[in-house]
């Protein structure tokens, strides 16, 4: 795919130039204050005069056919990328205890979130995105998408739905790995985020397109890489201030909306270079600042989670800060690149090797260290126990130290399972019922007095519960459960006695309506928890 896309990119650049010339460079300049027209530089005037016939007027200037054809080729290139990648972008829905919170800092990216501390069953927490990275069903997404979930559901673009297993998650990088059991899965192509350059064309893909609704299942947006190596502090806050949080994000102006979290950031070759994870905004809405986790980091985290079920991260065990302007002068540095050593925890291999506070780390194994996030990512690319050569500047003197890397002491997050304890069916489904004597039916239920009705009356439906989601409301008179007549609460409980998580229960009954009754059959899926 890369060669045709490169050709189309060249065509796009040529076409853009041709279009600018064909339009007399009108889009490159703006009106000066007071309504005076801005003066074109002499070189631009010569280009304009050569490109536009003397008799042509502004109204007659149109894009040349070759320019339009070139732009059409670029458009087809974007379409080809979208068609290749989107089949592997999945929707991730989570259910859990609604009294638990989405990690701090990610609320706007994960859609509506409501508190119901007394609820005894799992309710929808929100929706995010993910993408399939292997044919045997491994999926990458964000930690904050699945944090606190007891149950995770994945839906593919072809409408296939699966219960997903949480293989592992890492709050210090905001990466999580899921697994589904399925065949014939489309997969994305993983790229190399280390070679990503500012100005590259990129596309951000999300499923759902926006978290609050399923009416917009996909969005594909385009932009460029605005910057690399960004540190917002958002991942460290979500990881309870962990010193091992790695935040070295790719910034893009491709639109990232709530619900896009966990979706791929794709380069012009159709390769995933990042996981969309955050926005910077004063309003909670997109304002042109989107951020993605570099895929090279996410790939290493995924490998650990799959192999070990946890992250095994190498560590120098040093406390560092970015180089300030004052640091640059104090330590006689040529520029503001590097990481200034501040302190050491106990048993620091860096301190044991001879590194001291005030040393400025500028390279690891000759790989340049320009910033703190880059140092963290570079060290994380090694295995605990490996030896690395650390280059520092100590008051203008360049020095090297051989350090045997330790293993980072990272608190491992809890991985919840879908195990379910047996309990009464009506509690599991989120409804309460009572005996339906005639007085209750007429005075509370609103049923007509002349009808002889039997069953159990629904008196409470818990919000967002399975019964509520299926459409059961108060005053529903349940007369049969899975075809079995129920005339009282004991018979109702008995009918639900053998129901197990994952089963579907059929409720047959009536609602009161205008002096009559409305018959309904409502099927409810019993949650896995």
Protein backbone atom coordinates (compact mmCIF):
# COMPACT_ATOMS: atom_id res chain seq x y z
CA UNK A 1 0.00 0.00 0.00
CA UNK A 2 2.85 2.39 0.83
CA UNK A 3 4.11 2.98 -2.72
CA UNK A 4 0.73 3.99 -4.20
CA UNK A 5 0.05 6.23 -1.23
CA UNK A 6 3.42 7.92 -1.55
CA UNK A 7 2.67 8.55 -5.20
CA UNK A 8 -0.71 10.00 -4.31
CA UNK A 9 0.91 12.21 -1.68
CA UNK A 10 3.31 13.59 -4.29
CA UNK A 11 0.36 14.17 -6.59
CA UNK A 12 -1.39 15.99 -3.75
CA UNK A 13 1.57 18.34 -3.26
CA UNK A 14 1.86 19.04 -6.97
CA UNK A 15 -1.90 19.46 -7.27
CA UNK A 16 -1.97 21.85 -4.34
CA UNK A 17 0.70 23.99 -6.00
CA UNK A 18 -1.12 23.90 -9.31
CA UNK A 19 -4.39 24.82 -7.63
CA UNK A 20 -2.75 27.74 -5.82
CA UNK A 21 -1.32 29.01 -9.10
CA UNK A 22 -4.60 28.42 -10.94
CA UNK A 23 -6.42 30.52 -8.35
CA UNK A 24 -3.86 33.31 -8.57
CA UNK A 25 -2.57 32.53 -5.04
CA UNK A 26 -5.70 34.18 -3.72
CA UNK A 27 -5.92 31.91 -0.67
CA UNK A 28 -2.40 32.70 0.52
CA UNK A 29 -3.01 36.34 1.34
CA UNK A 30 -5.56 38.28 3.37
CA UNK A 31 -6.97 41.83 3.26
CA UNK A 32 -4.96 44.45 5.14
CA UNK A 33 -6.53 46.69 7.80
CA UNK A 34 -8.79 49.41 6.51
CA UNK A 35 -9.82 47.37 3.46
CA UNK A 36 -6.64 47.94 1.46
CA UNK A 37 -5.58 44.97 -0.62
CA UNK A 38 -2.35 43.33 0.47
CA UNK A 39 0.46 43.69 -2.05
CA UNK A 40 1.87 40.50 -3.56
CA UNK A 41 5.64 40.06 -3.49
CA UNK A 42 7.24 40.61 -6.88
CA UNK A 43 8.02 36.92 -7.36
CA UNK A 44 4.45 35.97 -6.61
CA UNK A 45 3.20 38.61 -9.02
CA UNK A 46 5.33 37.09 -11.78
CA UNK A 47 3.94 33.62 -11.02
CA UNK A 48 0.41 35.00 -11.05
CA UNK A 49 0.93 36.85 -14.33
CA UNK A 50 2.38 33.74 -15.94
CA UNK A 51 -0.41 31.52 -14.67
CA UNK A 52 -3.43 33.69 -15.52
CA UNK A 53 -4.17 34.97 -19.02
CA UNK A 54 -4.25 38.76 -19.27
CA UNK A 55 -7.91 38.76 -20.25
CA UNK A 56 -8.98 36.57 -17.34
CA UNK A 57 -11.02 38.04 -14.50
CA UNK A 58 -11.32 36.78 -10.92
CA UNK A 59 -14.69 35.21 -11.69
CA UNK A 60 -13.21 33.30 -14.64
CA UNK A 61 -10.34 31.75 -12.67
CA UNK A 62 -10.98 28.06 -11.97
CA UNK A 63 -8.85 25.13 -10.91
CA UNK A 64 -7.18 23.34 -13.78
CA UNK A 65 -8.35 19.81 -14.70
CA UNK A 66 -4.95 18.39 -13.70
CA UNK A 67 -5.21 19.99 -10.25
CA UNK A 68 -8.69 18.57 -9.73
CA UNK A 69 -7.52 15.13 -10.88
CA UNK A 70 -4.62 15.28 -8.43
CA UNK A 71 -6.88 16.17 -5.54
CA UNK A 72 -9.23 13.36 -6.53
CA UNK A 73 -6.30 10.93 -6.29
CA UNK A 74 -5.52 12.16 -2.79
CA UNK A 75 -9.18 11.78 -1.82
CA UNK A 76 -9.14 8.20 -3.07
CA UNK A 77 -5.99 7.56 -1.02
CA UNK A 78 -7.75 8.69 2.17
CA UNK A 79 -10.75 6.54 1.26
CA UNK A 80 -8.47 3.52 0.73
CA UNK A 81 -6.89 3.98 4.16
CA UNK A 82 -10.28 4.32 5.85
CA UNK A 83 -11.65 1.23 4.09
CA UNK A 84 -8.58 -0.78 5.09
CA UNK A 85 -8.45 0.21 8.76
CA UNK A 86 -12.07 0.70 9.88
CA UNK A 87 -13.10 -3.00 9.71
CA UNK A 88 -10.67 -3.64 12.59
CA UNK A 89 -11.86 -0.72 14.76
CA UNK A 90 -14.29 -1.94 17.40
CA UNK A 91 -16.73 -0.42 19.86
CA UNK A 92 -15.96 -1.20 23.51
CA UNK A 93 -18.89 -1.03 25.95
CA UNK A 94 -18.32 -1.43 29.67
CA UNK A 95 -20.62 -2.38 32.52
CA UNK A 96 -19.85 -2.13 36.19
CA UNK A 97 -20.67 -0.58 39.54
CA UNK A 98 -21.87 2.96 38.78
CA UNK A 99 -20.53 4.30 42.07
CA UNK A 100 -17.00 3.91 40.75
CA UNK A 101 -15.46 6.71 38.76
CA UNK A 102 -13.76 6.95 35.41
CA UNK A 103 -10.08 7.82 36.11
CA UNK A 104 -9.49 11.50 36.85
CA UNK A 105 -8.83 13.59 33.78
CA UNK A 106 -10.60 11.31 31.28
CA UNK A 107 -14.25 12.16 32.06
CA UNK A 108 -14.83 14.16 28.87
CA UNK A 109 -13.39 11.41 26.66
CA UNK A 110 -15.61 8.64 28.03
CA UNK A 111 -19.10 10.08 27.72
CA UNK A 112 -21.94 10.32 30.26
CA UNK A 113 -21.31 8.83 33.69
CA UNK A 114 -23.88 8.73 36.46
CA UNK A 115 -23.81 7.70 40.09
CA UNK A 116 -26.16 5.07 41.54
CA UNK A 117 -24.41 3.80 44.70
CA UNK A 118 -27.27 1.53 45.79
CA UNK A 119 -27.53 -0.44 42.55
CA UNK A 120 -26.85 -4.17 43.01
CA UNK A 121 -26.10 -5.08 39.40
CA UNK A 122 -23.83 -3.81 36.65
CA UNK A 123 -25.00 -0.86 34.61
CA UNK A 124 -23.48 0.70 31.47
CA UNK A 125 -20.47 2.83 32.42
CA UNK A 126 -19.70 4.16 28.97
CA UNK A 127 -18.32 3.43 25.54
CA UNK A 128 -14.95 3.75 23.92
CA UNK A 129 -13.04 2.42 20.95
CA UNK A 130 -10.39 -0.21 20.34
CA UNK A 131 -8.69 -1.96 17.44
CA UNK A 132 -7.84 -5.58 16.64
CA UNK A 133 -4.11 -6.26 16.44
CA UNK A 134 -4.05 -10.03 15.90
CA UNK A 135 -6.14 -12.59 14.06
CA UNK A 136 -6.64 -14.55 17.28
CA UNK A 137 -8.55 -11.68 18.85
CA UNK A 138 -6.23 -9.41 20.83
CA UNK A 139 -7.47 -5.82 21.02
CA UNK A 140 -5.70 -2.64 22.12
CA UNK A 141 -7.60 0.12 23.89
CA UNK A 142 -7.11 2.64 26.73
CA UNK A 143 -6.91 1.72 30.39
CA UNK A 144 -9.38 4.48 31.22
CA UNK A 145 -11.92 2.94 28.84
CA UNK A 146 -12.07 -0.33 30.78
CA UNK A 147 -11.08 0.76 34.30
CA UNK A 148 -13.70 -0.32 36.88
CA UNK A 149 -15.52 -2.55 34.37
CA UNK A 150 -16.91 -5.87 35.55
CA UNK A 151 -18.06 -6.80 32.09
CA UNK A 152 -16.75 -5.72 28.67
CA UNK A 153 -18.60 -6.09 25.39
CA UNK A 154 -17.02 -5.62 21.98
CA UNK A 155 -18.90 -4.97 18.75
CA UNK A 156 -17.28 -5.20 15.33
CA UNK A 157 -18.27 -3.02 12.37
CA UNK A 158 -20.01 -6.06 10.82
CA UNK A 159 -22.30 -6.14 13.93
CA UNK A 160 -20.71 -9.23 15.48
CA UNK A 161 -20.77 -8.93 19.29
CA UNK A 162 -18.53 -10.63 21.83
CA UNK A 163 -17.87 -10.71 25.55
CA UNK A 164 -14.26 -9.62 25.95
CA UNK A 165 -11.71 -10.85 28.47
CA UNK A 166 -9.52 -8.21 30.08
CA UNK A 167 -6.01 -9.60 29.67
CA UNK A 168 -4.40 -6.74 31.54
CA UNK A 169 -4.21 -2.99 31.91
CA UNK A 170 -1.51 -0.48 32.77
CA UNK A 171 -2.55 2.85 34.33
CA UNK A 172 1.02 4.19 33.97
CA UNK A 173 0.68 4.25 30.17
CA UNK A 174 -3.14 4.19 29.83
CA UNK A 175 -2.94 0.98 27.77
CA UNK A 176 -5.21 -2.06 28.11
CA UNK A 177 -5.40 -5.37 26.24
CA UNK A 178 -8.63 -7.29 25.60
CA UNK A 179 -9.23 -10.71 24.03
CA UNK A 180 -12.24 -12.06 22.15
CA UNK A 181 -12.80 -15.59 20.88
CA UNK A 182 -13.59 -15.22 17.19
CA UNK A 183 -12.48 -16.27 13.72
CA UNK A 184 -11.80 -14.40 10.49
CA UNK A 185 -10.94 -11.16 12.24
CA UNK A 186 -9.62 -8.13 10.35
CA UNK A 187 -6.46 -6.63 11.85
CA UNK A 188 -4.68 -3.29 11.66
CA UNK A 189 -1.11 -2.84 10.49
CA UNK A 190 1.18 -1.62 13.28
CA UNK A 191 3.60 1.14 12.31
CA UNK A 192 6.65 2.71 13.96
CA UNK A 193 5.85 5.80 16.01
CA UNK A 194 9.57 6.46 16.54
CA UNK A 195 9.85 7.71 12.95
CA UNK A 196 6.71 9.86 13.13
CA UNK A 197 7.47 13.43 12.08
CA UNK A 198 5.73 16.70 12.77
CA UNK A 199 3.64 17.65 9.74
CA UNK A 200 2.77 14.07 8.70
CA UNK A 201 -0.77 13.46 7.51
CA UNK A 202 -2.75 11.32 9.98
CA UNK A 203 -6.29 10.03 10.44
CA UNK A 204 -8.08 9.45 13.77
CA UNK A 205 -10.68 6.69 13.70
CA UNK A 206 -13.28 6.08 16.39
CA UNK A 207 -16.10 3.61 16.98
CA UNK A 208 -18.40 4.99 18.35
CA UNK A 209 -18.01 8.33 16.67
CA UNK A 210 -19.24 10.00 19.85
CA UNK A 211 -19.83 8.31 23.19
CA UNK A 212 -23.28 9.64 24.01
CA UNK A 213 -25.07 7.93 21.13
CA UNK A 214 -24.95 4.78 19.03
CA UNK A 215 -26.45 6.72 16.12
CA UNK A 216 -22.93 7.72 15.02
CA UNK A 217 -21.06 4.41 14.95
CA UNK A 218 -17.94 5.69 13.18
CA UNK A 219 -15.93 8.82 12.62
CA UNK A 220 -12.86 9.19 10.47
CA UNK A 221 -11.10 12.55 10.78
CA UNK A 222 -7.91 13.80 9.18
CA UNK A 223 -5.16 16.20 10.19
CA UNK A 224 -1.45 16.33 10.77
CA UNK A 225 0.99 15.51 13.54
CA UNK A 226 1.23 18.81 15.39
CA UNK A 227 3.97 17.83 17.84
CA UNK A 228 5.59 14.87 19.56
CA UNK A 229 6.79 14.31 23.11
CA UNK A 230 3.88 16.10 24.80
CA UNK A 231 3.39 15.75 28.57
CA UNK A 232 -0.01 16.81 29.96
CA UNK A 233 0.27 15.13 33.36
CA UNK A 234 -3.09 13.45 32.72
CA UNK A 235 -1.78 9.87 32.83
CA UNK A 236 0.23 10.47 35.99
CA UNK A 237 -2.84 11.91 37.73
CA UNK A 238 -4.94 8.93 36.64
CA UNK A 239 -2.20 6.59 37.92
CA UNK A 240 -2.36 8.16 41.41
CA UNK A 241 0.80 10.18 40.84
CA UNK A 242 2.98 7.17 39.98
CA UNK A 243 6.60 8.12 39.32
CA UNK A 244 6.61 5.46 36.60
CA UNK A 245 3.83 7.05 34.53
CA UNK A 246 5.06 7.56 30.98
CA UNK A 247 3.64 10.50 29.09
CA UNK A 248 5.33 11.19 25.76
CA UNK A 249 2.27 11.80 23.60
CA UNK A 250 1.77 12.52 19.92
CA UNK A 251 -0.25 15.71 19.39
CA UNK A 252 -2.58 16.01 16.40
CA UNK A 253 -5.21 18.38 15.08
CA UNK A 254 -7.27 15.47 13.70
CA UNK A 255 -10.58 15.71 15.56
CA UNK A 256 -10.86 13.39 18.58
CA UNK A 257 -14.34 13.22 20.12
CA UNK A 258 -15.74 11.56 23.25
CA UNK A 259 -15.98 7.88 22.33
CA UNK A 260 -12.84 7.95 20.19
CA UNK A 261 -10.66 7.00 23.17
CA UNK A 262 -8.84 3.78 22.39
CA UNK A 263 -9.17 4.16 18.62
CA UNK A 264 -6.17 4.22 16.27
CA UNK A 265 -4.21 7.19 14.96
CA UNK A 266 -3.14 6.15 11.47
CA UNK A 267 -0.44 7.56 9.19
CA UNK A 268 -0.67 8.08 5.43
CA UNK A 269 0.62 4.54 4.84
CA UNK A 270 -2.37 3.09 6.69
CA UNK A 271 -0.25 2.09 9.71
CA UNK A 272 -1.30 2.64 13.31
CA UNK A 273 1.14 5.00 15.03
CA UNK A 274 -0.84 5.78 18.18
CA UNK A 275 -3.84 5.16 20.43
CA UNK A 276 -6.14 8.17 20.70
CA UNK A 277 -6.35 8.99 24.38
CA UNK A 278 -7.03 12.62 25.35
CA UNK A 279 -7.88 16.17 24.36
CA UNK A 280 -6.80 19.50 25.81
CA UNK A 281 -9.83 21.73 26.15
CA UNK A 282 -11.22 24.53 28.31
CA UNK A 283 -14.79 23.49 27.48
CA UNK A 284 -14.71 19.69 27.38
CA UNK A 285 -15.20 19.81 23.63
CA UNK A 286 -12.57 19.42 20.94
CA UNK A 287 -10.52 22.60 20.42
CA UNK A 288 -7.80 21.40 18.07
CA UNK A 289 -5.59 19.59 20.57
CA UNK A 290 -5.75 15.80 20.46
CA UNK A 291 -3.21 13.38 21.92
CA UNK A 292 -2.27 9.77 21.25
CA UNK A 293 -0.07 7.20 22.99
CA UNK A 294 2.84 6.21 20.69
CA UNK A 295 2.21 2.73 19.34
CA UNK A 296 5.81 1.64 19.98
CA UNK A 297 5.23 2.12 23.70
CA UNK A 298 1.79 0.50 23.57
CA UNK A 299 3.21 -2.51 21.71
CA UNK A 300 5.80 -3.14 24.46
CA UNK A 301 3.14 -2.84 27.17
CA UNK A 302 0.86 -5.21 25.27
CA UNK A 303 3.62 -7.81 24.98
CA UNK A 304 4.16 -7.76 28.77
CA UNK A 305 0.46 -7.94 29.56
CA UNK A 306 -0.05 -10.92 27.26
CA UNK A 307 3.05 -12.81 28.43
CA UNK A 308 3.08 -11.97 32.14
CA UNK A 309 -0.35 -10.52 32.89
CA UNK A 310 1.41 -7.42 34.22
CA UNK A 311 3.93 -4.82 33.13
CA UNK A 312 7.60 -5.62 33.77
CA UNK A 313 9.32 -2.28 33.38
CA UNK A 314 13.01 -1.53 33.66
CA UNK A 315 14.01 1.39 35.88
CA UNK A 316 17.05 3.56 36.61
CA UNK A 317 15.36 4.56 39.88
CA UNK A 318 16.14 8.24 39.61
CA UNK A 319 13.97 11.30 40.12
CA UNK A 320 14.40 13.73 37.21
CA UNK A 321 13.07 17.07 35.98
CA UNK A 322 13.14 18.82 32.59
CA UNK A 323 16.08 21.10 31.85
CA UNK A 324 15.21 24.74 32.61
CA UNK A 325 16.86 27.85 31.20
CA UNK A 326 18.65 28.31 34.53
CA UNK A 327 19.82 24.68 34.46
CA UNK A 328 21.26 25.21 31.01
CA UNK A 329 23.42 28.08 32.31
CA UNK A 330 24.30 26.46 35.64
CA UNK A 331 25.48 23.20 34.07
CA UNK A 332 27.00 24.81 30.94
CA UNK A 333 24.72 22.93 28.58
CA UNK A 334 24.62 23.74 24.85
CA UNK A 335 20.80 23.49 24.78
CA UNK A 336 17.78 22.63 26.95
CA UNK A 337 17.77 18.95 26.12
CA UNK A 338 18.05 16.16 28.65
CA UNK A 339 16.75 15.28 32.12
CA UNK A 340 18.23 16.69 35.34
CA UNK A 341 18.77 14.13 38.12
CA UNK A 342 17.26 15.29 41.43
CA UNK A 343 17.24 12.37 43.85
CA UNK A 344 17.38 8.60 44.22
CA UNK A 345 15.07 6.16 46.01
CA UNK A 346 16.56 3.30 48.01
CA UNK A 347 18.59 0.69 46.12
CA UNK A 348 19.02 2.88 43.03
CA UNK A 349 21.27 1.22 40.44
CA UNK A 350 21.96 4.64 38.91
CA UNK A 351 23.28 5.99 42.21
CA UNK A 352 25.31 2.84 42.78
CA UNK A 353 26.91 3.29 39.34
CA UNK A 354 28.10 6.80 40.25
CA UNK A 355 25.42 9.14 38.89
CA UNK A 356 24.86 12.16 41.14
CA UNK A 357 22.15 14.80 41.70
CA UNK A 358 22.63 17.62 39.21
CA UNK A 359 23.86 15.30 36.45
CA UNK A 360 22.00 15.87 33.19
CA UNK A 361 21.18 12.62 31.38
CA UNK A 362 21.57 13.23 27.65
CA UNK A 363 21.76 9.70 26.16
CA UNK A 364 21.08 6.00 26.83
CA UNK A 365 23.22 3.62 24.75
CA UNK A 366 23.94 6.61 22.48
CA UNK A 367 20.21 7.19 21.93
CA UNK A 368 19.61 10.92 22.52
CA UNK A 369 17.48 11.95 25.50
CA UNK A 370 15.84 15.31 24.75
CA UNK A 371 13.18 15.31 27.48
CA UNK A 372 11.93 13.44 30.53
CA UNK A 373 9.25 11.50 28.65
CA UNK A 374 11.80 10.31 26.12
CA UNK A 375 14.06 9.08 28.94
CA UNK A 376 11.15 7.14 30.45
CA UNK A 377 10.22 5.59 27.10
CA UNK A 378 13.82 4.67 26.28
CA UNK A 379 14.40 2.95 29.63
CA UNK A 380 11.03 1.18 29.32
CA UNK A 381 12.17 -0.35 26.02
CA UNK A 382 14.77 -2.45 27.89
CA UNK A 383 14.24 -5.48 30.12
CA UNK A 384 14.86 -5.44 33.87
CA UNK A 385 18.39 -6.73 34.47
CA UNK A 386 19.82 -5.41 31.20
CA UNK A 387 22.89 -3.18 31.33
CA UNK A 388 22.80 0.23 29.65
CA UNK A 389 25.34 3.00 29.09
CA UNK A 390 24.09 6.28 30.56
CA UNK A 391 25.69 9.47 29.23
CA UNK A 392 25.49 12.54 31.47
CA UNK A 393 26.83 16.07 31.56
CA UNK A 394 28.26 17.08 34.94
CA UNK A 395 29.08 20.79 34.93
CA UNK A 396 30.18 20.82 31.26
CA UNK A 397 32.03 17.50 31.56
CA UNK A 398 30.65 14.57 29.58
CA UNK A 399 30.67 11.29 31.51
CA UNK A 400 29.43 7.72 30.96
CA UNK A 401 28.18 5.16 33.48
CA UNK A 402 27.34 1.48 33.12
CA UNK A 403 24.02 0.77 34.90
CA UNK A 404 22.26 -2.54 35.46
CA UNK A 405 18.54 -1.72 35.26
CA UNK A 406 16.24 -2.65 38.13
CA UNK A 407 12.56 -3.58 37.86
CA UNK A 408 10.09 -0.78 38.52
CA UNK A 409 7.89 -1.27 41.56
CA UNK A 410 4.52 -0.71 39.95
CA UNK A 411 1.29 -1.40 41.80
CA UNK A 412 -0.66 -3.83 39.67
CA UNK A 413 -4.32 -2.88 39.09
CA UNK A 414 -7.10 -5.25 40.03
CA UNK A 415 -8.41 -7.39 37.17
CA UNK A 416 -12.07 -8.09 37.80
CA UNK A 417 -13.71 -11.24 36.49
CA UNK A 418 -17.21 -11.96 35.32
CA UNK A 419 -17.81 -14.51 38.10
CA UNK A 420 -21.36 -14.36 39.40
CA UNK A 421 -22.88 -15.38 42.69
CA UNK A 422 -26.34 -16.95 42.57
CA UNK A 423 -29.06 -14.63 43.86
CA UNK A 424 -32.78 -14.06 43.39
CA UNK A 425 -33.76 -13.45 39.81
CA UNK A 426 -35.77 -10.29 40.42
CA UNK A 427 -32.76 -8.64 42.15
CA UNK A 428 -30.45 -9.78 39.39
CA UNK A 429 -32.75 -8.28 36.77
CA UNK A 430 -33.36 -5.03 38.61
CA UNK A 431 -37.11 -5.28 39.35
CA UNK A 432 -39.32 -5.63 42.40
CA UNK A 433 -42.77 -7.25 42.33
CA UNK A 434 -45.67 -7.70 44.73
CA UNK A 435 -48.87 -9.70 45.01
CA UNK A 436 -51.53 -8.42 42.62
CA UNK A 437 -54.81 -8.46 44.55
CA UNK A 438 -57.79 -6.64 43.03
CA UNK A 439 -57.45 -3.52 45.22
CA UNK A 440 -53.75 -3.13 44.39
CA UNK A 441 -54.42 -3.60 40.68
CA UNK A 442 -57.18 -0.99 40.60
CA UNK A 443 -55.99 1.65 43.08
CA UNK A 444 -52.23 1.49 42.55
CA UNK A 445 -51.88 -0.19 39.20
CA UNK A 446 -54.66 1.66 37.40
CA UNK A 447 -56.16 -1.49 35.89
CA UNK A 448 -59.89 -1.59 35.02
CA UNK A 449 -62.09 -2.84 37.88
CA UNK A 450 -64.18 -5.10 35.67
CA UNK A 451 -61.28 -7.35 34.61
CA UNK A 452 -60.28 -10.46 36.54
CA UNK A 453 -56.48 -10.44 36.25
CA UNK A 454 -53.81 -12.60 37.86
CA UNK A 455 -50.06 -12.23 38.09
CA UNK A 456 -47.43 -10.21 39.95
CA UNK A 457 -47.23 -6.43 39.68
CA UNK A 458 -43.94 -4.64 39.00
CA UNK A 459 -43.60 -1.92 41.66
CA UNK A 460 -40.02 -0.78 41.06
CA UNK A 461 -37.64 -0.86 38.12
CA UNK A 462 -34.04 0.10 38.85
CA UNK A 463 -32.69 2.67 36.40
CA UNK A 464 -30.26 1.31 33.80
CA UNK A 465 -30.89 -2.26 34.96
CA UNK A 466 -31.48 -5.19 32.58
CA UNK A 467 -35.28 -5.01 32.94
CA UNK A 468 -35.32 -1.25 32.44
CA UNK A 469 -33.09 -1.50 29.39
CA UNK A 470 -35.44 -4.11 27.90
CA UNK A 471 -38.48 -1.85 28.37
CA UNK A 472 -40.18 -3.08 31.55
CA UNK A 473 -41.82 -0.27 33.53
CA UNK A 474 -43.80 0.10 36.76
CA UNK A 475 -47.38 -1.26 36.68
CA UNK A 476 -46.46 -4.08 34.30
CA UNK A 477 -48.52 -7.10 35.38
CA UNK A 478 -46.39 -10.19 34.76
CA UNK A 479 -48.61 -13.19 34.05
CA UNK A 480 -46.13 -15.69 32.62
CA UNK A 481 -42.36 -16.23 32.93
CA UNK A 482 -40.84 -18.29 30.12
CA UNK A 483 -44.35 -19.52 29.34
CA UNK A 484 -45.02 -20.64 32.91
CA UNK A 485 -48.07 -19.02 34.60
CA UNK A 486 -47.29 -16.99 37.75
CA UNK A 487 -50.11 -16.01 40.08
CA UNK A 488 -48.10 -14.87 43.10
CA UNK A 489 -44.57 -13.90 44.20
CA UNK A 490 -43.63 -17.46 45.22
CA UNK A 491 -44.50 -18.77 41.75
CA UNK A 492 -42.58 -15.86 40.22
CA UNK A 493 -39.45 -16.68 42.24
CA UNK A 494 -39.82 -20.37 41.42
CA UNK A 495 -40.02 -19.60 37.70
CA UNK A 496 -36.71 -17.72 37.95
CA UNK A 497 -35.00 -20.26 40.18
CA UNK A 498 -33.07 -22.00 37.39
CA UNK A 499 -32.20 -18.85 35.46
CA UNK A 500 -28.46 -18.37 35.01
CA UNK A 501 -26.28 -15.45 33.89
CA UNK A 502 -26.40 -15.09 30.14
CA UNK A 503 -29.92 -16.58 29.85
CA UNK A 504 -32.83 -14.71 28.31
CA UNK A 505 -36.05 -14.53 30.34
CA UNK A 506 -39.38 -13.97 28.60
CA UNK A 507 -41.97 -11.95 30.55
CA UNK A 508 -45.55 -12.09 29.27
CA UNK A 509 -48.00 -9.58 30.74
CA UNK A 510 -50.18 -6.49 30.37
CA UNK A 511 -50.13 -2.75 31.02
CA UNK A 512 -53.25 -0.68 31.92
CA UNK A 513 -54.30 1.73 29.18
CA UNK A 514 -57.49 3.82 28.85
CA UNK A 515 -59.80 1.39 30.68
CA UNK A 516 -58.30 -1.61 28.93
CA UNK A 517 -55.02 -3.51 28.88
CA UNK A 518 -52.12 -3.63 26.44
CA UNK A 519 -50.46 -7.03 26.01
CA UNK A 520 -46.67 -7.19 25.84
CA UNK A 521 -43.98 -9.90 25.69
CA UNK A 522 -40.64 -8.52 26.87
CA UNK A 523 -37.42 -10.54 26.68
CA UNK A 524 -34.67 -9.65 29.17
CA UNK A 525 -31.06 -10.82 29.06
CA UNK A 526 -29.69 -11.85 32.46
CA UNK A 527 -26.36 -10.06 32.98
CA UNK A 528 -23.16 -11.98 33.56
CA UNK A 529 -22.83 -10.22 36.85
